[in-house]
Protein backbone atom coordinates (compact mmCIF):
# COMPACT_ATOMS: atom_id res chain seq x y z
CA UNK A 1 44.03 88.81 -147.46
CA UNK A 2 41.14 90.98 -148.54
CA UNK A 3 39.79 93.64 -146.18
CA UNK A 4 36.25 93.13 -147.38
CA UNK A 5 35.98 89.42 -147.55
CA UNK A 6 37.35 86.57 -145.53
CA UNK A 7 39.48 85.19 -148.36
CA UNK A 8 43.25 84.22 -148.64
CA UNK A 9 45.39 84.19 -151.71
CA UNK A 10 48.73 82.34 -152.29
CA UNK A 11 51.56 82.90 -154.86
CA UNK A 12 53.79 80.03 -156.00
CA UNK A 13 56.81 79.64 -158.42
CA UNK A 14 57.35 76.49 -160.45
CA UNK A 15 60.84 75.81 -161.80
CA UNK A 16 61.98 73.15 -164.29
CA UNK A 17 64.99 71.32 -162.66
CA UNK A 18 65.39 68.68 -165.34
CA UNK A 19 68.79 70.03 -166.33
CA UNK A 20 69.99 70.00 -162.77
CA UNK A 21 68.83 66.42 -162.23
CA UNK A 22 70.51 65.43 -165.49
CA UNK A 23 73.72 67.09 -164.40
CA UNK A 24 73.56 65.28 -161.05
CA UNK A 25 73.07 61.95 -162.84
CA UNK A 26 75.96 62.71 -165.15
CA UNK A 27 78.18 63.60 -162.13
CA UNK A 28 77.12 60.42 -160.32
CA UNK A 29 77.88 58.35 -163.39
CA UNK A 30 81.32 59.88 -163.83
CA UNK A 31 82.14 59.28 -160.18
CA UNK A 32 81.15 55.62 -160.60
CA UNK A 33 83.29 55.36 -163.71
CA UNK A 34 86.26 56.97 -161.95
CA UNK A 35 85.96 54.51 -159.03
CA UNK A 36 85.61 51.64 -161.58
CA UNK A 37 88.75 52.66 -163.47
CA UNK A 38 90.71 53.14 -160.23
CA UNK A 39 89.81 49.72 -158.93
CA UNK A 40 90.63 48.07 -162.22
CA UNK A 41 94.07 49.73 -162.12
CA UNK A 42 94.72 48.38 -158.65
CA UNK A 43 93.62 44.89 -159.60
CA UNK A 44 95.82 44.79 -162.69
CA UNK A 45 98.86 45.96 -160.70
CA UNK A 46 98.57 43.34 -157.94
CA UNK A 47 100.98 40.40 -157.73
CA UNK A 48 98.54 37.71 -158.83
CA UNK A 49 98.08 35.37 -161.79
CA UNK A 50 96.47 36.76 -164.94
CA UNK A 51 93.20 34.83 -164.42
CA UNK A 52 92.90 36.16 -160.84
CA UNK A 53 93.45 39.75 -162.04
CA UNK A 54 90.91 39.40 -164.91
CA UNK A 55 88.39 37.97 -162.42
CA UNK A 56 88.86 41.01 -160.23
CA UNK A 57 88.18 43.26 -163.25
CA UNK A 58 84.97 41.41 -164.05
CA UNK A 59 83.80 41.63 -160.42
CA UNK A 60 84.60 45.36 -160.45
CA UNK A 61 82.33 45.94 -163.47
CA UNK A 62 79.45 44.16 -161.81
CA UNK A 63 79.98 46.08 -158.57
CA UNK A 64 80.48 49.65 -159.88
CA UNK A 65 78.45 49.72 -163.13
CA UNK A 66 75.50 47.52 -162.10
CA UNK A 67 76.36 45.15 -164.91
CA UNK A 68 74.57 41.85 -165.48
CA UNK A 69 77.51 39.85 -166.94
CA UNK A 70 81.15 40.55 -167.80
CA UNK A 71 83.76 38.29 -169.27
CA UNK A 72 87.27 38.22 -170.72
CA UNK A 73 88.80 35.99 -173.40
CA UNK A 74 92.46 35.70 -174.35
CA UNK A 75 93.85 34.52 -177.66
CA UNK A 76 97.38 33.16 -178.36
CA UNK A 77 96.80 32.34 -182.01
CA UNK A 78 93.95 32.29 -184.57
CA UNK A 79 94.15 28.47 -184.66
CA UNK A 80 93.63 28.17 -180.91
CA UNK A 81 90.83 30.74 -180.88
CA UNK A 82 89.60 32.61 -177.82
CA UNK A 83 89.63 31.10 -174.29
CA UNK A 84 87.38 32.47 -171.57
CA UNK A 85 89.63 33.35 -168.61
CA UNK A 86 87.22 35.07 -166.20
CA UNK A 87 83.58 36.02 -165.90
CA UNK A 88 81.18 37.49 -163.30
CA UNK A 89 77.47 38.15 -162.96
CA UNK A 90 74.81 35.79 -164.27
CA UNK A 91 75.76 32.14 -164.26
CA UNK A 92 74.22 30.99 -167.50
CA UNK A 93 74.57 28.73 -170.43
CA UNK A 94 76.13 31.70 -172.28
CA UNK A 95 79.23 31.25 -170.07
CA UNK A 96 79.38 27.53 -170.78
CA UNK A 97 78.73 27.83 -174.53
CA UNK A 98 81.38 30.57 -174.93
CA UNK A 99 84.15 29.11 -172.88
CA UNK A 100 86.00 28.50 -176.14
CA UNK A 101 85.19 30.62 -179.21
CA UNK A 102 86.76 29.98 -182.63
CA UNK A 103 88.31 32.96 -184.25
CA UNK A 104 85.78 34.81 -186.44
CA UNK A 105 82.78 32.79 -185.14
CA UNK A 106 79.83 34.31 -183.24
CA UNK A 107 79.84 37.97 -182.24
CA UNK A 108 82.77 37.40 -179.81
CA UNK A 109 84.90 35.83 -182.45
CA UNK A 110 83.83 38.45 -185.00
CA UNK A 111 84.95 41.27 -182.70
CA UNK A 112 88.35 39.64 -182.61
CA UNK A 113 88.39 39.18 -186.37
CA UNK A 114 87.35 42.76 -187.25
CA UNK A 115 89.35 44.37 -184.36
CA UNK A 116 86.48 46.79 -183.80
CA UNK A 117 84.18 47.39 -180.79
CA UNK A 118 80.55 46.29 -181.01
CA UNK A 119 78.20 48.54 -178.97
CA UNK A 120 74.40 48.51 -178.71
CA UNK A 121 71.62 49.63 -176.36
CA UNK A 122 69.01 47.60 -178.27
CA UNK A 123 69.93 43.94 -177.79
CA UNK A 124 66.55 42.50 -178.65
CA UNK A 125 66.38 44.24 -182.05
CA UNK A 126 70.13 43.73 -182.82
CA UNK A 127 70.69 40.49 -184.74
CA UNK A 128 74.46 40.75 -184.24
CA UNK A 129 74.19 40.23 -180.45
CA UNK A 130 74.75 36.59 -179.36
CA UNK A 131 72.10 34.74 -177.38
CA UNK A 132 69.29 37.24 -177.83
CA UNK A 133 66.70 34.91 -176.42
CA UNK A 134 68.69 34.53 -173.22
CA UNK A 135 69.16 38.31 -173.14
CA UNK A 136 65.44 38.95 -173.51
CA UNK A 137 64.63 36.44 -170.76
CA UNK A 138 67.11 38.11 -168.40
CA UNK A 139 65.85 41.64 -169.23
CA UNK A 140 69.17 42.72 -170.76
CA UNK A 141 69.21 45.91 -172.76
CA UNK A 142 72.86 46.81 -173.62
CA UNK A 143 75.89 44.96 -174.93
CA UNK A 144 79.49 46.19 -175.31
CA UNK A 145 82.24 44.12 -176.87
CA UNK A 146 85.82 45.44 -177.17
CA UNK A 147 88.80 43.86 -178.91
CA UNK A 148 91.85 43.82 -176.68
CA UNK A 149 94.69 45.11 -178.86
CA UNK A 150 98.40 45.86 -178.33
CA UNK A 151 99.95 47.63 -181.32
CA UNK A 152 97.09 46.29 -183.45
CA UNK A 153 97.81 42.74 -182.36
CA UNK A 154 94.84 40.84 -181.02
CA UNK A 155 95.32 39.45 -177.51
CA UNK A 156 91.67 38.94 -176.44
CA UNK A 157 88.10 40.24 -176.16
CA UNK A 158 86.15 41.95 -173.40
CA UNK A 159 82.33 41.73 -173.35
CA UNK A 160 79.67 43.09 -170.95
CA UNK A 161 75.88 42.91 -170.71
CA UNK A 162 73.75 45.42 -168.85
CA UNK A 163 70.07 45.80 -167.90
CA UNK A 164 70.39 49.57 -168.33
CA UNK A 165 71.40 51.49 -171.42
CA UNK A 166 75.09 52.43 -171.47
CA UNK A 167 75.96 56.10 -172.03
CA UNK A 168 78.73 57.41 -174.18
CA UNK A 169 80.71 58.15 -171.02
CA UNK A 170 80.45 54.46 -169.96
CA UNK A 171 81.43 53.24 -173.44
CA UNK A 172 84.46 55.54 -173.36
CA UNK A 173 85.44 54.33 -169.89
CA UNK A 174 85.10 50.68 -170.99
CA UNK A 175 87.34 51.47 -173.95
CA UNK A 176 90.05 52.83 -171.63
CA UNK A 177 89.76 49.80 -169.38
CA UNK A 178 89.98 47.50 -172.38
CA UNK A 179 93.30 49.09 -173.37
CA UNK A 180 94.71 48.65 -169.88
CA UNK A 181 93.62 45.05 -169.71
CA UNK A 182 95.16 44.36 -173.13
CA UNK A 183 98.46 45.81 -171.86
CA UNK A 184 98.30 43.56 -168.78
CA UNK A 185 97.72 40.47 -170.93
CA UNK A 186 100.67 41.33 -173.12
CA UNK A 187 102.86 41.92 -170.14
CA UNK A 188 101.88 38.51 -168.84
CA UNK A 189 102.77 36.96 -172.16
CA UNK A 190 106.21 38.62 -172.06
CA UNK A 191 106.75 37.18 -168.59
CA UNK A 192 105.76 33.78 -169.75
CA UNK A 193 108.09 34.05 -172.68
CA UNK A 194 110.92 34.88 -170.30
CA UNK A 195 110.05 31.94 -168.16
CA UNK A 196 110.09 29.66 -171.16
CA UNK A 197 113.51 31.03 -172.10
CA UNK A 198 114.69 30.39 -168.59
CA UNK A 199 113.55 26.78 -168.88
CA UNK A 200 115.26 26.57 -172.25
CA UNK A 201 118.49 27.89 -170.72
CA UNK A 202 118.14 25.37 -167.86
CA UNK A 203 118.18 22.61 -170.52
CA UNK A 204 121.29 24.14 -171.96
CA UNK A 205 122.90 24.17 -168.54
CA UNK A 206 122.19 20.43 -168.30
CA UNK A 207 125.09 20.02 -170.65
CA UNK A 208 127.43 22.33 -168.75
CA UNK A 209 130.53 21.31 -166.77
CA UNK A 210 129.00 22.30 -163.41
CA UNK A 211 126.73 20.02 -161.46
CA UNK A 212 123.09 20.99 -161.57
CA UNK A 213 120.09 19.33 -159.94
CA UNK A 214 116.51 20.34 -159.40
CA UNK A 215 114.43 19.65 -156.31
CA UNK A 216 110.69 19.68 -155.74
CA UNK A 217 109.09 21.15 -152.67
CA UNK A 218 109.71 17.87 -150.79
CA UNK A 219 113.39 17.81 -151.58
CA UNK A 220 113.05 15.01 -154.15
CA UNK A 221 115.33 15.16 -157.17
CA UNK A 222 113.43 15.94 -160.37
CA UNK A 223 116.45 16.66 -162.57
CA UNK A 224 120.24 16.23 -162.52
CA UNK A 225 122.64 16.92 -165.34
CA UNK A 226 125.21 14.36 -166.44
CA UNK A 227 128.13 16.40 -165.09
CA UNK A 228 126.54 16.52 -161.63
CA UNK A 229 125.77 12.78 -161.57
CA UNK A 230 129.34 12.04 -162.65
CA UNK A 231 130.85 14.17 -159.87
CA UNK A 232 128.65 12.39 -157.32
CA UNK A 233 129.49 8.96 -158.72
CA UNK A 234 125.90 8.07 -159.65
CA UNK A 235 124.01 7.43 -162.85
CA UNK A 236 121.36 10.04 -163.60
CA UNK A 237 118.50 7.57 -163.20
CA UNK A 238 119.75 6.59 -159.74
CA UNK A 239 119.14 10.12 -158.43
CA UNK A 240 115.79 10.96 -159.96
CA UNK A 241 112.97 10.80 -157.37
CA UNK A 242 115.42 10.31 -154.50
CA UNK A 243 115.81 12.65 -151.48
CA UNK A 244 119.06 14.44 -152.37
CA UNK A 245 119.94 15.46 -148.83
CA UNK A 246 120.01 11.89 -147.56
CA UNK A 247 122.18 10.83 -150.52
CA UNK A 248 124.84 13.51 -150.81
CA UNK A 249 124.56 16.04 -147.92
CA UNK A 250 123.95 13.82 -144.90
CA UNK A 251 127.22 14.51 -143.09
CA UNK A 252 129.12 17.66 -142.20
CA UNK A 253 132.74 18.24 -143.09
CA UNK A 254 133.80 17.31 -139.56
CA UNK A 255 132.04 13.97 -139.83
CA UNK A 256 129.03 14.74 -137.62
CA UNK A 257 125.48 14.05 -138.85
CA UNK A 258 123.78 16.80 -140.85
CA UNK A 259 120.05 16.79 -140.08
CA UNK A 260 117.84 17.94 -142.95
CA UNK A 261 116.24 20.60 -140.72
CA UNK A 262 119.69 22.20 -140.20
CA UNK A 263 120.60 22.05 -143.90
CA UNK A 264 120.71 25.48 -145.54
CA UNK A 265 119.58 23.94 -148.84
CA UNK A 266 116.47 22.64 -147.16
CA UNK A 267 115.86 25.98 -145.50
CA UNK A 268 116.27 27.90 -148.78
CA UNK A 269 113.94 25.42 -150.52
CA UNK A 270 111.30 25.84 -147.82
CA UNK A 271 111.49 29.66 -147.72
CA UNK A 272 112.11 30.25 -151.41
CA UNK A 273 115.29 32.24 -150.93
CA UNK A 274 118.61 32.30 -152.75
CA UNK A 275 121.56 30.86 -150.84
CA UNK A 276 125.31 30.45 -151.52
CA UNK A 277 127.88 28.44 -149.62
CA UNK A 278 131.48 27.35 -150.27
CA UNK A 279 132.41 25.80 -146.89
CA UNK A 280 130.63 22.46 -147.13
CA UNK A 281 131.12 19.07 -148.76
CA UNK A 282 129.01 16.70 -150.85
CA UNK A 283 129.32 12.90 -150.54
CA UNK A 284 129.83 10.50 -153.40
CA UNK A 285 128.23 7.13 -153.82
CA UNK A 286 131.49 5.45 -152.72
CA UNK A 287 131.48 7.31 -149.37
CA UNK A 288 134.18 9.87 -150.17
CA UNK A 289 133.52 13.60 -150.02
CA UNK A 290 134.71 16.67 -151.88
CA UNK A 291 134.48 20.39 -151.08
CA UNK A 292 131.93 22.34 -153.17
CA UNK A 293 130.82 25.83 -153.98
CA UNK A 294 127.06 25.74 -154.45
CA UNK A 295 124.12 28.03 -155.14
CA UNK A 296 120.44 27.31 -154.56
CA UNK A 297 117.76 29.42 -156.36
CA UNK A 298 113.98 29.06 -156.03
CA UNK A 299 111.80 28.05 -158.96
CA UNK A 300 108.34 29.60 -159.20
CA UNK A 301 105.52 29.01 -161.61
CA UNK A 302 102.74 31.56 -161.80
CA UNK A 303 104.07 33.04 -158.58
CA UNK A 304 103.91 29.73 -156.71
CA UNK A 305 107.09 28.14 -155.35
CA UNK A 306 107.45 24.69 -156.88
CA UNK A 307 111.06 23.81 -156.12
CA UNK A 308 114.65 24.97 -156.45
CA UNK A 309 117.72 24.39 -158.57
CA UNK A 310 121.14 23.76 -157.04
CA UNK A 311 124.34 24.35 -158.98
CA UNK A 312 127.63 23.10 -157.57
CA UNK A 313 131.23 22.63 -158.58
CA UNK A 314 134.14 20.74 -157.10
CA UNK A 315 136.59 23.24 -155.52
CA UNK A 316 139.16 20.73 -154.30
CA UNK A 317 141.84 22.55 -156.29
CA UNK A 318 140.78 25.93 -154.98
CA UNK A 319 140.86 24.59 -151.38
CA UNK A 320 144.33 23.19 -151.93
CA UNK A 321 145.61 26.47 -153.41
CA UNK A 322 143.98 28.45 -150.53
CA UNK A 323 145.70 26.21 -147.96
CA UNK A 324 149.03 26.78 -149.70
CA UNK A 325 148.43 30.53 -149.78
CA UNK A 326 147.56 30.55 -146.07
CA UNK A 327 150.74 28.65 -145.34
CA UNK A 328 152.71 31.12 -147.38
CA UNK A 329 151.02 33.96 -145.54
CA UNK A 330 151.93 32.36 -142.26
CA UNK A 331 155.50 32.00 -143.34
CA UNK A 332 155.51 35.64 -144.47
CA UNK A 333 154.31 36.60 -141.00
CA UNK A 334 157.06 34.51 -139.48
CA UNK A 335 159.57 36.24 -141.70
CA UNK A 336 158.38 39.70 -140.65
CA UNK A 337 158.47 38.66 -137.01
CA UNK A 338 161.99 37.32 -137.35
CA UNK A 339 163.10 40.48 -139.06
CA UNK A 340 161.70 42.62 -136.19
CA UNK A 341 163.21 40.40 -133.52
CA UNK A 342 166.56 40.22 -135.26
CA UNK A 343 166.58 44.05 -135.35
CA UNK A 344 165.88 44.25 -131.65
CA UNK A 345 168.49 41.62 -130.79
CA UNK A 346 171.07 43.61 -132.78
CA UNK A 347 170.19 46.76 -130.88
CA UNK A 348 170.13 45.00 -127.52
CA UNK A 349 173.51 43.52 -128.08
CA UNK A 350 175.03 46.95 -128.67
CA UNK A 351 174.89 48.10 -125.01
CA UNK A 352 175.92 44.61 -123.89
CA UNK A 353 179.09 44.90 -125.94
CA UNK A 354 179.65 48.47 -124.84
CA UNK A 355 179.10 47.58 -121.19
CA UNK A 356 181.32 44.61 -121.42
CA UNK A 357 184.12 46.74 -123.02
CA UNK A 358 183.78 49.42 -120.36
CA UNK A 359 183.85 46.82 -117.67
CA UNK A 360 186.91 45.20 -119.14
CA UNK A 361 188.69 48.57 -119.42
CA UNK A 362 187.86 49.41 -115.80
CA UNK A 363 188.96 46.05 -114.54
CA UNK A 364 192.21 46.18 -116.52
CA UNK A 365 192.95 49.62 -115.12
CA UNK A 366 192.16 48.40 -111.65
CA UNK A 367 194.28 45.35 -111.99
CA UNK A 368 197.18 47.43 -113.24
CA UNK A 369 197.32 49.45 -110.02
CA UNK A 370 195.86 46.92 -107.63
CA UNK A 371 198.71 47.23 -105.10
CA UNK A 372 198.11 50.98 -104.82
CA UNK A 373 194.26 50.90 -104.86
CA UNK A 374 192.48 52.84 -102.13
CA UNK A 375 189.25 51.86 -100.46
CA UNK A 376 187.49 54.75 -102.14
CA UNK A 377 188.66 53.73 -105.57
CA UNK A 378 187.73 50.12 -104.84
CA UNK A 379 184.21 51.13 -103.80
CA UNK A 380 183.63 53.25 -106.88
CA UNK A 381 184.97 50.55 -109.17
CA UNK A 382 182.86 47.96 -107.40
CA UNK A 383 179.73 50.08 -107.97
CA UNK A 384 180.52 50.68 -111.57
CA UNK A 385 181.22 47.00 -112.16
CA UNK A 386 177.95 46.05 -110.38
CA UNK A 387 175.95 48.44 -112.67
CA UNK A 388 177.62 47.15 -115.78
CA UNK A 389 177.02 43.54 -114.79
CA UNK A 390 173.36 44.31 -113.96
CA UNK A 391 173.00 45.91 -117.34
CA UNK A 392 174.48 42.88 -119.03
CA UNK A 393 172.20 40.49 -117.15
CA UNK A 394 169.01 42.47 -117.80
CA UNK A 395 169.77 42.83 -121.45
CA UNK A 396 170.64 39.18 -121.75
CA UNK A 397 167.33 38.26 -120.22
CA UNK A 398 165.50 40.48 -122.70
CA UNK A 399 167.41 38.84 -125.55
CA UNK A 400 166.40 35.46 -124.09
CA UNK A 401 162.72 36.55 -124.13
CA UNK A 402 162.92 37.75 -127.71
CA UNK A 403 164.55 34.45 -128.72
CA UNK A 404 161.63 32.66 -127.03
CA UNK A 405 159.24 34.69 -129.25
CA UNK A 406 161.13 33.44 -132.31
CA UNK A 407 160.62 29.82 -131.20
CA UNK A 408 156.91 30.45 -130.52
CA UNK A 409 156.39 32.12 -133.90
CA UNK A 410 157.98 29.19 -135.74
CA UNK A 411 155.48 26.95 -133.89
CA UNK A 412 152.61 29.17 -135.08
CA UNK A 413 152.16 31.07 -131.82
CA UNK A 414 152.34 34.90 -131.62
CA UNK A 415 152.70 36.49 -128.24
CA UNK A 416 149.33 37.98 -127.20
CA UNK A 417 148.95 41.49 -125.83
CA UNK A 418 149.06 41.62 -122.06
CA UNK A 419 147.46 44.80 -120.83
CA UNK A 420 147.98 45.68 -117.17
CA UNK A 421 148.47 48.86 -115.10
CA UNK A 422 151.72 50.36 -116.25
CA UNK A 423 153.78 53.31 -114.91
CA UNK A 424 155.44 55.04 -117.84
CA UNK A 425 158.23 56.51 -115.66
CA UNK A 426 159.30 52.99 -114.64
CA UNK A 427 159.36 51.81 -118.24
CA UNK A 428 161.50 54.80 -119.22
CA UNK A 429 163.82 54.19 -116.27
CA UNK A 430 164.36 50.61 -117.56
CA UNK A 431 165.14 51.90 -121.03
CA UNK A 432 167.65 54.46 -119.77
CA UNK A 433 169.17 51.89 -117.42
CA UNK A 434 170.13 49.69 -120.35
CA UNK A 435 171.14 52.46 -122.75
CA UNK A 436 173.00 54.66 -120.23
CA UNK A 437 176.41 53.08 -120.87
CA UNK A 438 175.87 53.40 -124.64
CA UNK A 439 174.84 57.03 -124.26
CA UNK A 440 177.84 57.77 -121.93
CA UNK A 441 180.18 56.28 -124.42
CA UNK A 442 178.65 58.53 -127.15
CA UNK A 443 178.73 61.49 -124.71
CA UNK A 444 174.93 61.93 -124.98
CA UNK A 445 172.93 62.75 -121.83
CA UNK A 446 169.52 61.15 -121.10
CA UNK A 447 166.74 63.08 -119.33
CA UNK A 448 163.11 62.79 -118.35
CA UNK A 449 160.49 65.51 -117.88
CA UNK A 450 157.03 65.30 -116.35
CA UNK A 451 156.88 61.50 -116.23
CA UNK A 452 156.50 61.18 -112.46
CA UNK A 453 153.14 62.97 -112.46
CA UNK A 454 151.56 60.73 -115.12
CA UNK A 455 148.88 58.35 -113.89
CA UNK A 456 149.19 54.60 -114.53
CA UNK A 457 147.89 53.52 -117.93
CA UNK A 458 146.65 50.17 -119.27
CA UNK A 459 149.46 48.93 -121.53
CA UNK A 460 151.63 45.97 -122.51
CA UNK A 461 154.78 46.97 -120.63
CA UNK A 462 157.15 44.86 -122.67
CA UNK A 463 155.94 46.23 -126.00
CA UNK A 464 155.91 49.80 -124.69
CA UNK A 465 159.53 49.19 -123.56
CA UNK A 466 160.42 48.00 -127.07
CA UNK A 467 158.91 51.08 -128.69
CA UNK A 468 160.71 53.56 -126.43
CA UNK A 469 163.94 51.57 -126.57
CA UNK A 470 163.96 51.70 -130.36
CA UNK A 471 163.39 55.47 -130.42
CA UNK A 472 166.12 56.24 -127.90
CA UNK A 473 168.53 53.70 -129.30
CA UNK A 474 168.05 55.21 -132.80
CA UNK A 475 168.53 58.71 -131.48
CA UNK A 476 171.83 58.12 -129.60
CA UNK A 477 174.15 57.66 -132.65
CA UNK A 478 172.38 60.52 -134.43
CA UNK A 479 173.03 62.97 -131.59
CA UNK A 480 176.40 64.71 -131.58
CA UNK A 481 178.65 64.57 -128.50
CA UNK A 482 177.33 66.92 -125.84
CA UNK A 483 173.76 66.60 -127.06
CA UNK A 484 170.80 65.20 -125.15
CA UNK A 485 167.70 62.99 -125.45
CA UNK A 486 164.65 63.77 -123.32
CA UNK A 487 161.52 61.73 -122.80
CA UNK A 488 158.69 63.97 -121.65
CA UNK A 489 155.11 63.22 -120.63
CA UNK A 490 151.85 65.06 -120.08
CA UNK A 491 148.12 64.40 -119.93
CA UNK A 492 146.22 64.99 -123.19
CA UNK A 493 143.73 67.77 -123.66
CA UNK A 494 140.87 65.31 -123.53
CA UNK A 495 141.94 64.08 -120.11
CA UNK A 496 141.79 60.42 -121.32
CA UNK A 497 145.22 60.14 -122.96
CA UNK A 498 148.88 60.56 -122.13
CA UNK A 499 151.24 62.29 -124.53
CA UNK A 500 154.89 61.10 -124.64
CA UNK A 501 157.61 62.96 -126.49
CA UNK A 502 161.09 61.75 -127.36
CA UNK A 503 163.18 64.83 -128.23
CA UNK A 504 166.79 64.76 -129.33
CA UNK A 505 169.25 67.52 -130.29
CA UNK A 506 170.60 65.43 -133.14
CA UNK A 507 171.18 66.06 -136.80
CA UNK A 508 167.52 65.57 -137.79
CA UNK A 509 166.22 63.63 -140.82
CA UNK A 510 165.93 64.51 -144.50
CA UNK A 511 162.42 64.39 -145.97
CA UNK A 512 163.06 61.12 -147.94
CA UNK A 513 163.67 59.28 -144.71
CA UNK A 514 161.13 61.11 -142.49
CA UNK A 515 158.21 60.53 -144.92
CA UNK A 516 158.78 56.77 -145.04
CA UNK A 517 158.93 56.23 -141.31
CA UNK A 518 156.31 53.88 -139.73
CA UNK A 519 156.03 51.86 -142.98
CA UNK A 520 157.47 48.58 -144.19
CA UNK A 521 159.43 50.69 -146.69
CA UNK A 522 161.21 52.69 -144.03
CA UNK A 523 164.94 53.22 -144.58
CA UNK A 524 167.74 53.98 -142.16
CA UNK A 525 170.17 56.83 -142.42
CA UNK A 526 172.82 55.20 -140.22
CA UNK A 527 175.43 52.67 -141.18
CA UNK A 528 174.18 49.10 -140.59
CA UNK A 529 170.61 50.25 -139.94
CA UNK A 530 167.60 48.27 -141.20
CA UNK A 531 164.84 50.87 -140.94
CA UNK A 532 162.68 48.46 -138.90
CA UNK A 533 162.85 50.37 -135.63
CA UNK A 534 160.17 52.92 -136.34
CA UNK A 535 157.92 50.28 -137.97
CA UNK A 536 158.09 48.39 -134.68
CA UNK A 537 157.21 51.59 -132.85
CA UNK A 538 154.18 52.08 -135.15
CA UNK A 539 152.94 48.51 -134.58
CA UNK A 540 153.17 48.86 -130.82
CA UNK A 541 151.34 52.23 -130.81
CA UNK A 542 148.56 50.77 -133.13
CA UNK A 543 148.18 47.82 -130.73
CA UNK A 544 147.46 50.36 -127.98
CA UNK A 545 144.95 52.27 -130.10
CA UNK A 546 147.28 55.28 -130.08
CA UNK A 547 148.92 57.57 -132.63
CA UNK A 548 152.53 58.42 -133.38
CA UNK A 549 153.97 61.34 -135.37
CA UNK A 550 157.36 62.88 -136.08
CA UNK A 551 158.71 66.36 -136.59
CA UNK A 552 162.26 66.61 -137.80
CA UNK A 553 164.41 69.04 -139.74
CA UNK A 554 168.06 68.62 -140.77
CA UNK A 555 170.43 70.11 -138.12
CA UNK A 556 167.50 70.99 -135.84
CA UNK A 557 166.85 67.64 -134.09
CA UNK A 558 163.86 65.30 -134.06
CA UNK A 559 160.73 64.98 -131.92
CA UNK A 560 158.56 61.86 -131.82
CA UNK A 561 155.11 62.32 -130.28
CA UNK A 562 153.17 59.32 -129.03
CA UNK A 563 149.58 59.67 -127.79
CA UNK A 564 148.19 56.68 -125.89
CA UNK A 565 144.73 56.23 -124.34
CA UNK A 566 144.83 55.48 -120.60
CA UNK A 567 142.46 52.59 -121.26
CA UNK A 568 142.86 51.42 -124.89
CA UNK A 569 140.23 49.54 -126.89
CA UNK A 570 141.72 46.09 -127.07
CA UNK A 571 141.44 44.70 -130.58
CA UNK A 572 143.44 42.18 -132.58
CA UNK A 573 146.03 44.09 -134.56
CA UNK A 574 146.88 43.32 -138.14
CA UNK A 575 149.91 41.09 -138.64
CA UNK A 576 152.15 39.80 -135.89
CA UNK A 577 153.21 42.29 -133.25
CA UNK A 578 156.85 42.62 -132.36
């Protein structure tokens, strides 16, 4: 401001921002093109029919690029020409007139013929653009037509009209989109080819030996092959159009009604799932049935479930052979059971015989000096005789029980596990009570250690008795005179198990015998032995969810270690338990 005059002056700067505005427009255009390309990619990858995906691409062009009209044609052959599959934008006579375009005719057909894009931003002056009068009326300025090529093979044409000039960026983006759409069309063609092949193979299967029939969504028969009709006792024409369930699947194998709603074929047909079954029957026209193995698979056309195909085969022979195999397996189980029981009976008879012999010897000696017998001698002899008789009676009862198991097994019944509170010391006392005479005869002493402090466990007392009986009975003849057998017990480190040990001072086992214990291939090292004893022990321990192991060296004795849970997990063991 001047000091002399009341005047004000201003200074301004003018800048040309044309380049910045142009750059902003270019950036905005590229962002639109990126969004357009991304949406087209999503549309093409969706699980829809080709026409639905092409319609989505046309809509995307209108939405993102402010287009006036966009359309897509496909071509299967030059003779068929181009067929308009989808369009968006202006609804005009152009769409109606170009629904079907002969190959090489008009600009659309010419693009397909020349396999070259046709691009212009001057529609009104360009004689090559179709429907120029309509374009002028609608204020259209630009046209872009692209051949849809896959490996230089024509699959269709893409065309777009715009009221604004199209930049080189837009033309380039449209070219990329055209390539992606061409690939999608070709992929669809491959899928259709595969479907046609599948139908062709279905016709081939119509002549196969398996039964095949096709159902529509309502469960009506639309196809059945001759082999299937023959197995069902019908003529092919008698089954077409009929509800298959009511004809051949109306009754269950046990004779009870089979409602359609409960039928797995009906469920698979409704839900479009694959299903397999080999436990049901189909019914013939004459009212007889036969077991079948069948599969049901859905049939879809353009992604829509239209029915299902069922393949089936008569498995009467397979069922017969399976029944025979089950019977053989049952007999094999009986054989194993009989072998185990026979082994135990043989062992149980040994102390009976020994006790009877000792009793006889004692009585004979007593009878020989009966006139000179004293009351003391009579009392001792009476006690000994009583113990021997008790042993004979108890063992005879156990033999009787094992024989009852043989009878049950032959009738198809195996004795179930009977878990109850069990005191291990009492079981061991019973084992020693029966084997004491045998051990005395062999000059082997029997001992226990730590059993009285063990808590009761849940166990099958009879089977636990059998296991310990087998171990001690096997150890007695292997222990030299003057040796001992000790059954010890303790609580496991986890506090939930008991650990039992059967320790002898015998001759031990060589590796070839030791390593095969607890298996069906076990062998015995003693005369007349069968090797089944330790297998029985293993079965009993497994039934109690326990473990058993052995440590043995020649001339150093043998130790069996059994670890049992106080409360075992009760599960059905494999095979038949002894």
